[in-house]
Amino acid sequence: PMLFIGENVGSGSEPQVDIAVDPIDGTRLLSNGMPNALAVVALSERGTMHYPPQIAYMEK
């Protein structure tokens, strides 16, 4: 599963926060319940997280 910008998760009760999650390595390990997966998680007060604009990737 993946979280998308603007997606709501949880019960909707306080505290409401913005969440950023980035799986770095071992997503298959994690999905299979195995150890040694690595991810970064950031939380901020609701409405305070910076969302950079979409970037178009180009081949060089």
Protein backbone atom coordinates (compact mmCIF):
# COMPACT_ATOMS: atom_id res chain seq x y z
CA PRO A 1 0.00 0.00 0.00
CA MET A 2 1.00 3.58 -0.54
CA LEU A 3 0.02 6.91 1.01
CA PHE A 4 -0.89 9.75 -1.32
CA ILE A 5 -0.85 13.51 -0.72
CA GLY A 6 -4.15 14.50 0.88
CA GLU A 7 -5.08 10.95 1.89
CA ASN A 8 -6.69 10.62 5.33
CA VAL A 9 -5.69 7.79 7.66
CA GLY A 10 -6.57 7.00 11.25
CA SER A 11 -9.74 7.65 13.24
CA GLY A 12 -10.00 11.40 12.54
CA SER A 13 -9.71 12.29 16.23
CA GLU A 14 -7.04 14.51 17.77
CA PRO A 15 -4.16 15.00 17.29
CA GLN A 16 -4.35 15.64 13.55
CA VAL A 17 -0.94 15.64 11.86
CA ASP A 18 0.63 15.55 8.41
CA ILE A 19 2.63 12.38 7.69
CA ALA A 20 5.40 11.71 5.19
CA VAL A 21 6.63 8.14 4.73
CA ASP A 22 9.44 7.05 2.43
CA PRO A 23 10.39 3.37 2.22
CA ILE A 24 14.14 3.34 1.63
CA ASP A 25 15.02 -0.34 1.44
CA GLY A 26 13.40 -3.70 2.09
CA THR A 27 9.77 -2.98 1.24
CA ARG A 28 9.30 -6.61 0.21
CA LEU A 29 10.85 -7.74 3.51
CA LEU A 30 8.42 -5.56 5.43
CA SER A 31 5.39 -6.72 3.45
CA ASN A 32 6.37 -10.31 4.29
CA GLY A 33 6.74 -9.52 8.01
CA MET A 34 10.52 -9.97 7.99
CA PRO A 35 13.14 -7.79 9.73
CA ASN A 36 15.72 -5.37 8.29
CA ALA A 37 13.41 -3.06 6.34
CA LEU A 38 14.25 0.65 6.49
CA ALA A 39 11.91 3.63 6.15
CA VAL A 40 11.83 7.31 7.07
CA VAL A 41 8.76 8.80 8.75
CA ALA A 42 8.13 12.50 9.43
CA LEU A 43 5.22 14.08 11.32
CA SER A 44 4.25 17.74 11.57
CA GLU A 45 1.31 19.73 12.87
CA ARG A 46 -1.66 19.58 10.50
CA GLY A 47 -1.20 21.95 7.54
CA THR A 48 2.46 22.80 8.20
CA MET A 49 4.31 20.25 6.03
CA HIS A 50 5.92 21.57 2.85
CA TYR A 51 4.74 19.89 -0.34
CA PRO A 52 7.11 20.67 -3.22
CA PRO A 53 5.57 21.01 -6.69
CA GLN A 54 5.43 18.05 -9.07
CA ILE A 55 8.67 17.61 -10.99
CA ALA A 56 8.80 16.29 -14.55
CA TYR A 57 11.68 13.85 -14.98
CA MET A 58 13.56 13.95 -18.27
CA GLU A 59 16.03 11.61 -19.88
CA LYS A 60 19.45 13.13 -20.43
